[in-house]
PDB file of N, CA and C in Angstrom:
ATOM      1  N   UNK A   1      -9.576   1.297  14.245  1.00  0.00           N
ATOM      2  CA  UNK A   1      -8.186   0.926  14.456  1.00  0.00           C
ATOM      3  C   UNK A   1      -7.378   2.185  14.765  1.00  0.00           C
ATOM      4  N   UNK A   2      -6.402   2.045  15.628  1.00  0.00           N
ATOM      5  CA  UNK A   2      -5.519   3.185  15.884  1.00  0.00           C
ATOM      6  C   UNK A   2      -4.402   3.208  14.831  1.00  0.00           C
ATOM      7  N   UNK A   3      -3.653   4.312  14.812  1.00  0.00           N
ATOM      8  CA  UNK A   3      -2.624   4.494  13.792  1.00  0.00           C
ATOM      9  C   UNK A   3      -1.570   3.392  13.813  1.00  0.00           C
ATOM     10  N   UNK A   4      -1.181   2.959  15.002  1.00  0.00           N
ATOM     11  CA  UNK A   4      -0.168   1.915  15.129  1.00  0.00           C
ATOM     12  C   UNK A   4      -0.651   0.621  14.482  1.00  0.00           C
ATOM     13  N   UNK A   5      -1.892   0.254  14.744  1.00  0.00           N
ATOM     14  CA  UNK A   5      -2.451  -0.973  14.168  1.00  0.00           C
ATOM     15  C   UNK A   5      -2.569  -0.881  12.649  1.00  0.00           C
ATOM     16  N   UNK A   6      -3.013   0.279  12.159  1.00  0.00           N
ATOM     17  CA  UNK A   6      -3.140   0.468  10.705  1.00  0.00           C
ATOM     18  C   UNK A   6      -1.784   0.314  10.033  1.00  0.00           C
ATOM     19  N   UNK A   7      -0.788   0.992  10.587  1.00  0.00           N
ATOM     20  CA  UNK A   7       0.539   0.953   9.978  1.00  0.00           C
ATOM     21  C   UNK A   7       1.140  -0.451  10.042  1.00  0.00           C
ATOM     22  N   UNK A   8       0.969  -1.112  11.153  1.00  0.00           N
ATOM     23  CA  UNK A   8       1.510  -2.472  11.305  1.00  0.00           C
ATOM     24  C   UNK A   8       0.861  -3.430  10.305  1.00  0.00           C
ATOM     25  N   UNK A   9      -0.459  -3.356  10.158  1.00  0.00           N
ATOM     26  CA  UNK A   9      -1.149  -4.232   9.202  1.00  0.00           C
ATOM     27  C   UNK A   9      -0.776  -3.898   7.758  1.00  0.00           C
ATOM     28  N   UNK A  10      -0.603  -2.611   7.484  1.00  0.00           N
ATOM     29  CA  UNK A  10      -0.230  -2.200   6.128  1.00  0.00           C
ATOM     30  C   UNK A  10       1.159  -2.723   5.768  1.00  0.00           C
ATOM     31  N   UNK A  11       2.090  -2.631   6.709  1.00  0.00           N
ATOM     32  CA  UNK A  11       3.446  -3.143   6.462  1.00  0.00           C
ATOM     33  C   UNK A  11       3.411  -4.644   6.240  1.00  0.00           C
ATOM     34  N   UNK A  12       2.648  -5.354   7.049  1.00  0.00           N
ATOM     35  CA  UNK A  12       2.550  -6.815   6.885  1.00  0.00           C
ATOM     36  C   UNK A  12       1.964  -7.179   5.528  1.00  0.00           C
ATOM     37  N   UNK A  13       0.945  -6.432   5.095  1.00  0.00           N
ATOM     38  CA  UNK A  13       0.343  -6.704   3.781  1.00  0.00           C
ATOM     39  C   UNK A  13       1.361  -6.470   2.674  1.00  0.00           C
ATOM     40  N   UNK A  14       2.100  -5.371   2.764  1.00  0.00           N
ATOM     41  CA  UNK A  14       3.102  -5.072   1.738  1.00  0.00           C
ATOM     42  C   UNK A  14       4.223  -6.107   1.745  1.00  0.00           C
ATOM     43  N   UNK A  15       4.625  -6.547   2.936  1.00  0.00           N
ATOM     44  CA  UNK A  15       5.687  -7.566   3.023  1.00  0.00           C
ATOM     45  C   UNK A  15       5.247  -8.879   2.393  1.00  0.00           C
ATOM     46  N   UNK A  16       3.979  -9.232   2.545  1.00  0.00           N
ATOM     47  CA  UNK A  16       3.464 -10.456   1.916  1.00  0.00           C
ATOM     48  C   UNK A  16       3.583 -10.389   0.395  1.00  0.00           C
ATOM     49  N   UNK A  17       3.590  -9.165  -0.123  1.00  0.00           N
ATOM     50  CA  UNK A  17       3.681  -8.959  -1.569  1.00  0.00           C
ATOM     51  C   UNK A  17       5.080  -8.574  -2.029  1.00  0.00           C
ATOM     52  N   UNK A  18       6.083  -8.818  -1.169  1.00  0.00           N
ATOM     53  CA  UNK A  18       7.468  -8.659  -1.587  1.00  0.00           C
ATOM     54  C   UNK A  18       8.194  -7.419  -1.100  1.00  0.00           C
ATOM     55  N   UNK A  19       7.537  -6.540  -0.355  1.00  0.00           N
ATOM     56  CA  UNK A  19       8.201  -5.337   0.149  1.00  0.00           C
ATOM     57  C   UNK A  19       9.113  -5.704   1.315  1.00  0.00           C
ATOM     58  N   UNK A  20      10.344  -5.183   1.314  1.00  0.00           N
ATOM     59  CA  UNK A  20      11.301  -5.450   2.385  1.00  0.00           C
ATOM     60  C   UNK A  20      11.345  -4.249   3.328  1.00  0.00           C
ATOM     61  N   UNK A  21      10.548  -4.325   4.381  1.00  0.00           N
ATOM     62  CA  UNK A  21      10.444  -3.214   5.317  1.00  0.00           C
ATOM     63  C   UNK A  21      11.768  -2.930   6.018  1.00  0.00           C
ATOM     64  N   UNK A  22      12.474  -3.953   6.438  1.00  0.00           N
ATOM     65  CA  UNK A  22      13.747  -3.752   7.143  1.00  0.00           C
ATOM     66  C   UNK A  22      14.742  -2.995   6.265  1.00  0.00           C
ATOM     67  N   UNK A  23      14.814  -3.363   5.006  1.00  0.00           N
ATOM     68  CA  UNK A  23      15.715  -2.679   4.076  1.00  0.00           C
ATOM     69  C   UNK A  23      15.284  -1.221   3.889  1.00  0.00           C
ATOM     70  N   UNK A  24      13.976  -1.007   3.737  1.00  0.00           N
ATOM     71  CA  UNK A  24      13.481   0.355   3.577  1.00  0.00           C
ATOM     72  C   UNK A  24      13.833   1.195   4.811  1.00  0.00           C
ATOM     73  N   UNK A  25      13.605   0.639   5.991  1.00  0.00           N
ATOM     74  CA  UNK A  25      13.885   1.369   7.225  1.00  0.00           C
ATOM     75  C   UNK A  25      15.365   1.700   7.339  1.00  0.00           C
ATOM     76  N   UNK A  26      16.214   0.754   7.001  1.00  0.00           N
ATOM     77  CA  UNK A  26      17.655   0.964   7.073  1.00  0.00           C
ATOM     78  C   UNK A  26      18.103   2.092   6.134  1.00  0.00           C
ATOM     79  N   UNK A  27      17.531   2.120   4.927  1.00  0.00           N
ATOM     80  CA  UNK A  27      17.941   3.107   3.921  1.00  0.00           C
ATOM     81  C   UNK A  27      17.323   4.489   4.131  1.00  0.00           C
ATOM     82  N   UNK A  28      16.159   4.559   4.772  1.00  0.00           N
ATOM     83  CA  UNK A  28      15.399   5.806   4.787  1.00  0.00           C
ATOM     84  C   UNK A  28      15.223   6.479   6.139  1.00  0.00           C
ATOM     85  N   UNK A  29      15.609   5.817   7.221  1.00  0.00           N
ATOM     86  CA  UNK A  29      15.418   6.425   8.536  1.00  0.00           C
ATOM     87  C   UNK A  29      16.689   6.273   9.367  1.00  0.00           C
ATOM     88  N   UNK A  30      16.722   6.979  10.470  1.00  0.00           N
ATOM     89  CA  UNK A  30      17.818   6.786  11.421  1.00  0.00           C
ATOM     90  C   UNK A  30      17.326   5.999  12.637  1.00  0.00           C
ATOM     91  N   UNK A  31      16.230   5.272  12.460  1.00  0.00           N
ATOM     92  CA  UNK A  31      15.675   4.452  13.533  1.00  0.00           C
ATOM     93  C   UNK A  31      16.417   3.123  13.554  1.00  0.00           C
ATOM     94  N   UNK A  32      16.950   2.748  14.719  1.00  0.00           N
ATOM     95  CA  UNK A  32      17.637   1.452  14.794  1.00  0.00           C
ATOM     96  C   UNK A  32      16.662   0.301  14.545  1.00  0.00           C
ATOM     97  N   UNK A  33      17.160  -0.754  13.956  1.00  0.00           N
ATOM     98  CA  UNK A  33      16.323  -1.924  13.699  1.00  0.00           C
ATOM     99  C   UNK A  33      16.153  -2.712  14.988  1.00  0.00           C
ATOM    100  N   UNK A  34      14.960  -2.607  15.563  1.00  0.00           N
ATOM    101  CA  UNK A  34      14.642  -3.366  16.768  1.00  0.00           C
ATOM    102  C   UNK A  34      14.264  -4.778  16.364  1.00  0.00           C
ATOM    103  N   UNK A  35      14.318  -5.681  17.321  1.00  0.00           N
ATOM    104  CA  UNK A  35      13.900  -7.052  17.047  1.00  0.00           C
ATOM    105  C   UNK A  35      12.395  -7.152  16.851  1.00  0.00           C
ATOM    106  N   UNK A  36      11.636  -6.261  17.505  1.00  0.00           N
ATOM    107  CA  UNK A  36      10.181  -6.313  17.416  1.00  0.00           C
ATOM    108  C   UNK A  36       9.675  -5.173  16.541  1.00  0.00           C
ATOM    109  N   UNK A  37       8.744  -5.483  15.651  1.00  0.00           N
ATOM    110  CA  UNK A  37       8.201  -4.462  14.760  1.00  0.00           C
ATOM    111  C   UNK A  37       7.469  -3.378  15.539  1.00  0.00           C
ATOM    112  N   UNK A  38       6.857  -3.716  16.664  1.00  0.00           N
ATOM    113  CA  UNK A  38       6.068  -2.750  17.417  1.00  0.00           C
ATOM    114  C   UNK A  38       6.894  -1.527  17.812  1.00  0.00           C
ATOM    115  N   UNK A  39       8.147  -1.740  18.224  1.00  0.00           N
ATOM    116  CA  UNK A  39       9.021  -0.627  18.561  1.00  0.00           C
ATOM    117  C   UNK A  39       9.309   0.239  17.357  1.00  0.00           C
ATOM    118  N   UNK A  40       9.492  -0.388  16.214  1.00  0.00           N
ATOM    119  CA  UNK A  40       9.734   0.353  14.976  1.00  0.00           C
ATOM    120  C   UNK A  40       8.520   1.196  14.586  1.00  0.00           C
ATOM    121  N   UNK A  41       7.344   0.642  14.731  1.00  0.00           N
ATOM    122  CA  UNK A  41       6.110   1.343  14.366  1.00  0.00           C
ATOM    123  C   UNK A  41       5.943   2.584  15.239  1.00  0.00           C
ATOM    124  N   UNK A  42       6.155   2.452  16.522  1.00  0.00           N
ATOM    125  CA  UNK A  42       6.031   3.597  17.433  1.00  0.00           C
ATOM    126  C   UNK A  42       7.005   4.705  17.046  1.00  0.00           C
ATOM    127  N   UNK A  43       8.232   4.333  16.700  1.00  0.00           N
ATOM    128  CA  UNK A  43       9.233   5.328  16.297  1.00  0.00           C
ATOM    129  C   UNK A  43       8.853   5.989  14.971  1.00  0.00           C
ATOM    130  N   UNK A  44       8.338   5.198  14.027  1.00  0.00           N
ATOM    131  CA  UNK A  44       7.900   5.769  12.746  1.00  0.00           C
ATOM    132  C   UNK A  44       6.832   6.824  12.963  1.00  0.00           C
ATOM    133  N   UNK A  45       5.857   6.514  13.808  1.00  0.00           N
ATOM    134  CA  UNK A  45       4.765   7.450  14.062  1.00  0.00           C
ATOM    135  C   UNK A  45       5.249   8.683  14.813  1.00  0.00           C
ATOM    136  N   UNK A  46       6.131   8.471  15.767  1.00  0.00           N
ATOM    137  CA  UNK A  46       6.633   9.573  16.588  1.00  0.00           C
ATOM    138  C   UNK A  46       7.474  10.552  15.759  1.00  0.00           C
ATOM    139  N   UNK A  47       8.233  10.044  14.826  1.00  0.00           N
ATOM    140  CA  UNK A  47       9.150  10.868  14.043  1.00  0.00           C
ATOM    141  C   UNK A  47       8.567  11.311  12.700  1.00  0.00           C
ATOM    142  N   UNK A  48       7.375  10.869  12.375  1.00  0.00           N
ATOM    143  CA  UNK A  48       6.720  11.161  11.085  1.00  0.00           C
ATOM    144  C   UNK A  48       7.410  10.501   9.895  1.00  0.00           C
ATOM    145  N   UNK A  49       8.322   9.563  10.138  1.00  0.00           N
ATOM    146  CA  UNK A  49       8.909   8.808   9.031  1.00  0.00           C
ATOM    147  C   UNK A  49       7.858   7.945   8.331  1.00  0.00           C
ATOM    148  N   UNK A  50       6.767   7.684   9.022  1.00  0.00           N
ATOM    149  CA  UNK A  50       5.722   6.867   8.411  1.00  0.00           C
ATOM    150  C   UNK A  50       5.210   7.493   7.108  1.00  0.00           C
ATOM    151  N   UNK A  51       5.256   8.825   7.006  1.00  0.00           N
ATOM    152  CA  UNK A  51       4.806   9.484   5.776  1.00  0.00           C
ATOM    153  C   UNK A  51       5.732   9.156   4.609  1.00  0.00           C
ATOM    154  N   UNK A  52       7.030   9.039   4.881  1.00  0.00           N
ATOM    155  CA  UNK A  52       7.957   8.603   3.832  1.00  0.00           C
ATOM    156  C   UNK A  52       7.596   7.209   3.343  1.00  0.00           C
ATOM    157  N   UNK A  53       7.240   6.352   4.280  1.00  0.00           N
ATOM    158  CA  UNK A  53       6.874   4.986   3.931  1.00  0.00           C
ATOM    159  C   UNK A  53       5.588   4.961   3.111  1.00  0.00           C
ATOM    160  N   UNK A  54       4.561   5.666   3.566  1.00  0.00           N
ATOM    161  CA  UNK A  54       3.268   5.626   2.890  1.00  0.00           C
ATOM    162  C   UNK A  54       3.340   6.087   1.441  1.00  0.00           C
ATOM    163  N   UNK A  55       4.213   7.060   1.161  1.00  0.00           N
ATOM    164  CA  UNK A  55       4.298   7.601  -0.183  1.00  0.00           C
ATOM    165  C   UNK A  55       5.473   7.039  -0.982  1.00  0.00           C
ATOM    166  N   UNK A  56       6.096   5.990  -0.486  1.00  0.00           N
ATOM    167  CA  UNK A  56       7.174   5.305  -1.191  1.00  0.00           C
ATOM    168  C   UNK A  56       6.569   4.444  -2.305  1.00  0.00           C
ATOM    169  N   UNK A  57       7.076   4.574  -3.517  1.00  0.00           N
ATOM    170  CA  UNK A  57       6.482   3.848  -4.648  1.00  0.00           C
ATOM    171  C   UNK A  57       6.603   2.334  -4.500  1.00  0.00           C
ATOM    172  N   UNK A  58       7.711   1.838  -3.952  1.00  0.00           N
ATOM    173  CA  UNK A  58       7.846   0.387  -3.774  1.00  0.00           C
ATOM    174  C   UNK A  58       6.839  -0.140  -2.749  1.00  0.00           C
ATOM    175  N   UNK A  59       6.634   0.624  -1.674  1.00  0.00           N
ATOM    176  CA  UNK A  59       5.629   0.239  -0.677  1.00  0.00           C
ATOM    177  C   UNK A  59       4.243   0.237  -1.311  1.00  0.00           C
ATOM    178  N   UNK A  60       3.932   1.299  -2.058  1.00  0.00           N
ATOM    179  CA  UNK A  60       2.618   1.420  -2.690  1.00  0.00           C
ATOM    180  C   UNK A  60       2.363   0.288  -3.685  1.00  0.00           C
ATOM    181  N   UNK A  61       3.372  -0.061  -4.468  1.00  0.00           N
ATOM    182  CA  UNK A  61       3.216  -1.162  -5.427  1.00  0.00           C
ATOM    183  C   UNK A  61       2.910  -2.464  -4.704  1.00  0.00           C
ATOM    184  N   UNK A  62       3.614  -2.719  -3.604  1.00  0.00           N
ATOM    185  CA  UNK A  62       3.388  -3.953  -2.859  1.00  0.00           C
ATOM    186  C   UNK A  62       2.047  -3.925  -2.127  1.00  0.00           C
ATOM    187  N   UNK A  63       1.641  -2.770  -1.651  1.00  0.00           N
ATOM    188  CA  UNK A  63       0.395  -2.667  -0.888  1.00  0.00           C
ATOM    189  C   UNK A  63      -0.833  -2.734  -1.789  1.00  0.00           C
ATOM    190  N   UNK A  64      -0.871  -1.957  -2.871  1.00  0.00           N
ATOM    191  CA  UNK A  64      -2.049  -1.891  -3.728  1.00  0.00           C
ATOM    192  C   UNK A  64      -1.941  -2.723  -4.994  1.00  0.00           C
ATOM    193  N   UNK A  65      -0.747  -3.101  -5.393  1.00  0.00           N
ATOM    194  CA  UNK A  65      -0.590  -3.886  -6.607  1.00  0.00           C
ATOM    195  C   UNK A  65      -0.414  -3.013  -7.833  1.00  0.00           C
ATOM    196  N   UNK A  66      -0.127  -3.652  -8.937  1.00  0.00           N
ATOM    197  CA  UNK A  66       0.178  -2.940 -10.181  1.00  0.00           C
ATOM    198  C   UNK A  66      -1.068  -2.466 -10.916  1.00  0.00           C
ATOM    199  N   UNK A  67      -2.047  -3.341 -11.098  1.00  0.00           N
ATOM    200  CA  UNK A  67      -3.189  -2.997 -11.944  1.00  0.00           C
ATOM    201  C   UNK A  67      -4.511  -3.257 -11.228  1.00  0.00           C
ATOM    202  N   UNK A  68      -5.502  -2.479 -11.619  1.00  0.00           N
ATOM    203  CA  UNK A  68      -6.858  -2.719 -11.129  1.00  0.00           C
ATOM    204  C   UNK A  68      -7.848  -2.190 -12.162  1.00  0.00           C
ATOM    205  N   UNK A  69      -9.114  -2.526 -11.977  1.00  0.00           N
ATOM    206  CA  UNK A  69     -10.181  -2.053 -12.855  1.00  0.00           C
ATOM    207  C   UNK A  69     -10.389  -0.561 -12.628  1.00  0.00           C
ATOM    208  N   UNK A  70     -10.489   0.192 -13.704  1.00  0.00           N
ATOM    209  CA  UNK A  70     -10.715   1.624 -13.597  1.00  0.00           C
ATOM    210  C   UNK A  70     -12.152   1.989 -13.261  1.00  0.00           C
ATOM    211  N   UNK A  71     -13.056   1.018 -13.313  1.00  0.00           N
ATOM    212  CA  UNK A  71     -14.463   1.280 -12.989  1.00  0.00           C
ATOM    213  C   UNK A  71     -14.799   0.934 -11.541  1.00  0.00           C
ATOM    214  N   UNK A  72     -14.418  -0.273 -11.105  1.00  0.00           N
ATOM    215  CA  UNK A  72     -14.804  -0.707  -9.754  1.00  0.00           C
ATOM    216  C   UNK A  72     -13.603  -0.908  -8.829  1.00  0.00           C
ATOM    217  N   UNK A  73     -12.379  -0.706  -9.332  1.00  0.00           N
ATOM    218  CA  UNK A  73     -11.125  -0.801  -8.576  1.00  0.00           C
ATOM    219  C   UNK A  73     -10.826  -2.211  -8.061  1.00  0.00           C
ATOM    220  N   UNK A  74     -11.475  -3.187  -8.632  1.00  0.00           N
ATOM    221  CA  UNK A  74     -11.214  -4.585  -8.297  1.00  0.00           C
ATOM    222  C   UNK A  74      -9.870  -4.994  -8.900  1.00  0.00           C
ATOM    223  N   UNK A  75      -9.136  -5.842  -8.184  1.00  0.00           N
ATOM    224  CA  UNK A  75      -7.825  -6.271  -8.671  1.00  0.00           C
ATOM    225  C   UNK A  75      -7.863  -7.649  -9.329  1.00  0.00           C
ATOM    226  N   UNK A  76      -9.028  -8.284  -9.347  1.00  0.00           N
ATOM    227  CA  UNK A  76      -9.157  -9.587  -9.999  1.00  0.00           C
ATOM    228  C   UNK A  76      -9.352  -9.389 -11.493  1.00  0.00           C
ATOM    229  N   UNK A  77      -8.263  -9.518 -12.228  1.00  0.00           N
ATOM    230  CA  UNK A  77      -8.297  -9.283 -13.667  1.00  0.00           C
ATOM    231  C   UNK A  77      -8.049 -10.573 -14.420  1.00  0.00           C
ATOM    232  N   UNK A  78      -8.586 -10.662 -15.600  1.00  0.00           N
ATOM    233  CA  UNK A  78      -8.346 -11.801 -16.483  1.00  0.00           C
ATOM    234  C   UNK A  78      -7.699 -11.298 -17.763  1.00  0.00           C
ATOM    235  N   UNK A  79      -6.923 -12.168 -18.365  1.00  0.00           N
ATOM    236  CA  UNK A  79      -6.279 -11.827 -19.628  1.00  0.00           C
ATOM    237  C   UNK A  79      -6.857 -12.741 -20.702  1.00  0.00           C
ATOM    238  N   UNK A  80      -7.513 -12.152 -21.666  1.00  0.00           N
ATOM    239  CA  UNK A  80      -8.141 -12.911 -22.742  1.00  0.00           C
ATOM    240  C   UNK A  80      -7.375 -12.623 -24.028  1.00  0.00           C
ATOM    241  N   UNK A  81      -6.798 -13.647 -24.622  1.00  0.00           N
ATOM    242  CA  UNK A  81      -6.000 -13.418 -25.831  1.00  0.00           C
ATOM    243  C   UNK A  81      -6.859 -12.777 -26.923  1.00  0.00           C
ATOM    244  N   UNK A  82      -6.298 -11.775 -27.547  1.00  0.00           N
ATOM    245  CA  UNK A  82      -7.002 -11.062 -28.601  1.00  0.00           C
ATOM    246  C   UNK A  82      -7.809  -9.882 -28.089  1.00  0.00           C
ATOM    247  N   UNK A  83      -8.270  -9.961 -26.870  1.00  0.00           N
ATOM    248  CA  UNK A  83      -9.079  -8.881 -26.300  1.00  0.00           C
ATOM    249  C   UNK A  83      -8.255  -8.037 -25.334  1.00  0.00           C
ATOM    250  N   UNK A  84      -7.439  -8.676 -24.541  1.00  0.00           N
ATOM    251  CA  UNK A  84      -6.666  -7.984 -23.514  1.00  0.00           C
ATOM    252  C   UNK A  84      -7.228  -8.260 -22.139  1.00  0.00           C
ATOM    253  N   UNK A  85      -6.847  -7.456 -21.186  1.00  0.00           N
ATOM    254  CA  UNK A  85      -7.285  -7.661 -19.806  1.00  0.00           C
ATOM    255  C   UNK A  85      -8.661  -7.063 -19.575  1.00  0.00           C
ATOM    256  N   UNK A  86      -9.410  -7.734 -18.695  1.00  0.00           N
ATOM    257  CA  UNK A  86     -10.708  -7.220 -18.283  1.00  0.00           C
ATOM    258  C   UNK A  86     -10.954  -7.607 -16.832  1.00  0.00           C
ATOM    259  N   UNK A  87     -11.883  -6.915 -16.196  1.00  0.00           N
ATOM    260  CA  UNK A  87     -12.198  -7.122 -14.789  1.00  0.00           C
ATOM    261  C   UNK A  87     -13.116  -8.328 -14.618  1.00  0.00           C
ATOM    262  N   UNK A  88     -12.761  -9.223 -13.722  1.00  0.00           N
ATOM    263  CA  UNK A  88     -13.602 -10.381 -13.445  1.00  0.00           C
ATOM    264  C   UNK A  88     -14.892  -9.978 -12.727  1.00  0.00           C
ATOM    265  N   UNK A  89     -14.851  -8.894 -11.961  1.00  0.00           N
ATOM    266  CA  UNK A  89     -16.014  -8.483 -11.178  1.00  0.00           C
ATOM    267  C   UNK A  89     -17.091  -7.795 -12.014  1.00  0.00           C
ATOM    268  N   UNK A  90     -16.696  -6.839 -12.872  1.00  0.00           N
ATOM    269  CA  UNK A  90     -17.718  -6.069 -13.596  1.00  0.00           C
ATOM    270  C   UNK A  90     -17.599  -6.182 -15.118  1.00  0.00           C
ATOM    271  N   UNK A  91     -16.533  -6.806 -15.604  1.00  0.00           N
ATOM    272  CA  UNK A  91     -16.376  -7.011 -17.037  1.00  0.00           C
ATOM    273  C   UNK A  91     -15.744  -5.849 -17.796  1.00  0.00           C
ATOM    274  N   UNK A  92     -15.443  -4.773 -17.099  1.00  0.00           N
ATOM    275  CA  UNK A  92     -14.862  -3.600 -17.763  1.00  0.00           C
ATOM    276  C   UNK A  92     -13.457  -3.908 -18.276  1.00  0.00           C
ATOM    277  N   UNK A  93     -13.077  -3.224 -19.344  1.00  0.00           N
ATOM    278  CA  UNK A  93     -11.722  -3.413 -19.877  1.00  0.00           C
ATOM    279  C   UNK A  93     -10.876  -2.159 -19.673  1.00  0.00           C
ATOM    280  N   UNK A  94     -11.294  -1.289 -18.784  1.00  0.00           N
ATOM    281  CA  UNK A  94     -10.570  -0.063 -18.459  1.00  0.00           C
ATOM    282  C   UNK A  94      -9.666  -0.365 -17.258  1.00  0.00           C
ATOM    283  N   UNK A  95      -8.397  -0.655 -17.532  1.00  0.00           N
ATOM    284  CA  UNK A  95      -7.446  -1.069 -16.505  1.00  0.00           C
ATOM    285  C   UNK A  95      -6.504   0.097 -16.200  1.00  0.00           C
ATOM    286  N   UNK A  96      -6.282   0.354 -14.923  1.00  0.00           N
ATOM    287  CA  UNK A  96      -5.409   1.457 -14.510  1.00  0.00           C
ATOM    288  C   UNK A  96      -4.280   0.929 -13.631  1.00  0.00           C
ATOM    289  N   UNK A  97      -3.273   1.756 -13.408  1.00  0.00           N
ATOM    290  CA  UNK A  97      -2.170   1.429 -12.506  1.00  0.00           C
ATOM    291  C   UNK A  97      -2.659   1.717 -11.086  1.00  0.00           C
ATOM    292  N   UNK A  98      -2.906   0.673 -10.334  1.00  0.00           N
ATOM    293  CA  UNK A  98      -3.561   0.784  -9.030  1.00  0.00           C
ATOM    294  C   UNK A  98      -2.793   1.645  -8.040  1.00  0.00           C
ATOM    295  N   UNK A  99      -1.506   1.370  -7.885  1.00  0.00           N
ATOM    296  CA  UNK A  99      -0.758   2.069  -6.834  1.00  0.00           C
ATOM    297  C   UNK A  99      -0.647   3.565  -7.136  1.00  0.00           C
ATOM    298  N   UNK A 100      -0.523   3.947  -8.410  1.00  0.00           N
ATOM    299  CA  UNK A 100      -0.454   5.370  -8.746  1.00  0.00           C
ATOM    300  C   UNK A 100      -1.784   6.058  -8.477  1.00  0.00           C
ATOM    301  N   UNK A 101      -2.865   5.400  -8.837  1.00  0.00           N
ATOM    302  CA  UNK A 101      -4.199   5.934  -8.593  1.00  0.00           C
ATOM    303  C   UNK A 101      -4.408   6.164  -7.099  1.00  0.00           C
ATOM    304  N   UNK A 102      -4.064   5.172  -6.284  1.00  0.00           N
ATOM    305  CA  UNK A 102      -4.269   5.275  -4.836  1.00  0.00           C
ATOM    306  C   UNK A 102      -3.390   6.365  -4.226  1.00  0.00           C
ATOM    307  N   UNK A 103      -2.134   6.462  -4.657  1.00  0.00           N
ATOM    308  CA  UNK A 103      -1.255   7.510  -4.130  1.00  0.00           C
ATOM    309  C   UNK A 103      -1.788   8.898  -4.462  1.00  0.00           C
ATOM    310  N   UNK A 104      -2.308   9.072  -5.665  1.00  0.00           N
ATOM    311  CA  UNK A 104      -2.858  10.367  -6.068  1.00  0.00           C
ATOM    312  C   UNK A 104      -4.037  10.774  -5.187  1.00  0.00           C
ATOM    313  N   UNK A 105      -4.805   9.796  -4.751  1.00  0.00           N
ATOM    314  CA  UNK A 105      -5.938  10.094  -3.879  1.00  0.00           C
ATOM    315  C   UNK A 105      -5.501  10.256  -2.420  1.00  0.00           C
ATOM    316  N   UNK A 106      -4.561   9.436  -1.993  1.00  0.00           N
ATOM    317  CA  UNK A 106      -4.126   9.493  -0.601  1.00  0.00           C
ATOM    318  C   UNK A 106      -3.416  10.806  -0.283  1.00  0.00           C
ATOM    319  N   UNK A 107      -2.677  11.344  -1.238  1.00  0.00           N
ATOM    320  CA  UNK A 107      -1.919  12.579  -0.987  1.00  0.00           C
ATOM    321  C   UNK A 107      -2.845  13.758  -0.685  1.00  0.00           C
ATOM    322  N   UNK A 108      -4.079  13.683  -1.111  1.00  0.00           N
ATOM    323  CA  UNK A 108      -5.049  14.751  -0.866  1.00  0.00           C
ATOM    324  C   UNK A 108      -5.710  14.647   0.513  1.00  0.00           C
ATOM    325  N   UNK A 109      -5.521  13.523   1.163  1.00  0.00           N
ATOM    326  CA  UNK A 109      -6.158  13.283   2.457  1.00  0.00           C
ATOM    327  C   UNK A 109      -5.399  13.950   3.601  1.00  0.00           C
ATOM    328  N   UNK A 110      -6.139  14.474   4.565  1.00  0.00           N
ATOM    329  CA  UNK A 110      -5.512  15.031   5.766  1.00  0.00           C
ATOM    330  C   UNK A 110      -4.914  13.933   6.625  1.00  0.00           C
ATOM    331  N   UNK A 111      -5.561  12.787   6.648  1.00  0.00           N
ATOM    332  CA  UNK A 111      -5.095  11.653   7.437  1.00  0.00           C
ATOM    333  C   UNK A 111      -4.826  10.463   6.515  1.00  0.00           C
ATOM    334  N   UNK A 112      -3.619  10.385   5.965  1.00  0.00           N
ATOM    335  CA  UNK A 112      -3.333   9.298   5.010  1.00  0.00           C
ATOM    336  C   UNK A 112      -3.450   7.905   5.612  1.00  0.00           C
ATOM    337  N   UNK A 113      -3.215   7.768   6.909  1.00  0.00           N
ATOM    338  CA  UNK A 113      -3.361   6.438   7.519  1.00  0.00           C
ATOM    339  C   UNK A 113      -4.814   5.967   7.480  1.00  0.00           C
ATOM    340  N   UNK A 114      -5.748   6.878   7.661  1.00  0.00           N
ATOM    341  CA  UNK A 114      -7.171   6.513   7.600  1.00  0.00           C
ATOM    342  C   UNK A 114      -7.553   6.120   6.170  1.00  0.00           C
ATOM    343  N   UNK A 115      -6.955   6.770   5.182  1.00  0.00           N
ATOM    344  CA  UNK A 115      -7.173   6.385   3.795  1.00  0.00           C
ATOM    345  C   UNK A 115      -6.635   4.971   3.549  1.00  0.00           C
ATOM    346  N   UNK A 116      -5.442   4.715   4.069  1.00  0.00           N
ATOM    347  CA  UNK A 116      -4.823   3.412   3.920  1.00  0.00           C
ATOM    348  C   UNK A 116      -5.664   2.321   4.576  1.00  0.00           C
ATOM    349  N   UNK A 117      -6.274   2.666   5.701  1.00  0.00           N
ATOM    350  CA  UNK A 117      -7.091   1.705   6.446  1.00  0.00           C
ATOM    351  C   UNK A 117      -8.221   1.143   5.594  1.00  0.00           C
ATOM    352  N   UNK A 118      -8.763   1.955   4.691  1.00  0.00           N
ATOM    353  CA  UNK A 118      -9.863   1.523   3.834  1.00  0.00           C
ATOM    354  C   UNK A 118      -9.468   0.341   2.939  1.00  0.00           C
ATOM    355  N   UNK A 119      -8.166   0.232   2.653  1.00  0.00           N
ATOM    356  CA  UNK A 119      -7.692  -0.837   1.770  1.00  0.00           C
ATOM    357  C   UNK A 119      -7.232  -2.080   2.523  1.00  0.00           C
ATOM    358  N   UNK A 120      -7.314  -2.032   3.837  1.00  0.00           N
ATOM    359  CA  UNK A 120      -6.929  -3.203   4.625  1.00  0.00           C
ATOM    360  C   UNK A 120      -8.117  -4.128   4.787  1.00  0.00           C
ATOM    361  N   UNK A 121      -7.888  -5.401   4.596  1.00  0.00           N
ATOM    362  CA  UNK A 121      -8.959  -6.371   4.819  1.00  0.00           C
ATOM    363  C   UNK A 121      -9.056  -6.619   6.309  1.00  0.00           C
ATOM    364  N   UNK A 122     -10.214  -6.335   6.850  1.00  0.00           N
ATOM    365  CA  UNK A 122     -10.408  -6.468   8.294  1.00  0.00           C
ATOM    366  C   UNK A 122     -10.929  -7.846   8.618  1.00  0.00           C
TER     367      UNK A 122
END
């Protein structure tokens, strides 16, 4: 996938989880709100504003979610009264804050969009 496609899919995924991209763009960039997202994506990439978006905590929360398994990074968790949360995939009870974990790893990457691409369902 090229950078434009990665960013567009990432924004759509975050919007499905409650992130308001238009509001973020209005507050954080001087890019006019176009009617089509494609124009906005090109401007974000051209001006490097996309980096502000990628490392925005609200975007990260919507993109990766709040919690995941600390062993296998699966987000399918169950809550068992008396025991607490555990991973449906591997059974581990080591739960971490998903978006913080992912941001800590993405910031070390030379190409954060390629890191983000790994979390997109193709």
